[in-house]
Amino acid sequence: MSPADPGAGVGATPFPGIRPDPTVAVMPRLPLRATTHEVDGWAFRVLSTARPAADAPVFVLVHGIGVSHRYLTRLHAELAEYAEVHAVDLPGFAGLPAPKGSPSVPEIAAGLATVLDRIGIRDAILLGHSLGAQRGVEVAAPAPALLPYAGALTPANLLWVLIGCL
């Protein structure tokens, strides 16, 4: 793409003739508050947008492997119109230090639960993508007061579930 191309820049696509989705550029304009939390030597980052109304719902977004909160930027921006939203960067992603060894999904989920408790999350809806869905379910299952609802966006084990159904 040339600099004169209106599609160049934030959200630009490498495919000629396809214009970028303008909502990709929305996130930098949101009033984000970023906090970093250490749990058991692991760093978690939470990017939060404020609750637009006292009775607004609360969402927690958890990314999958190989991505960060940026993967969920458009969803965060859409939800922030009517909800408080917290997008979490897990240890080893988005420039955070990689954890020592190979922590299990339940270990990272326990760390995530600690972070959510620290920032005062209660009665929230967790949406996890890929392995973030599995970590989210691990957090929500034992703590229904913390996260009474959890959604899985292309969960990591979906393929195995489908194969098991054949």
Foldseek 3Di string as FASTA:
>chain_A
DDPVDPQPDQQRDPDPPDHGDVLLPVQVVAPWDWDWDADPNFIKIKIKGDAPDPPFAEEEEEEDPPAALSVCRSVQRVSSVHHIYIYMGGGPPPPHHHDPDDDDLLVSLVVVLVVLVVVPAFAHEYEYEASGQVSQCSNCVVPCRRHVHYHYHPYNCVVVVVVVVD
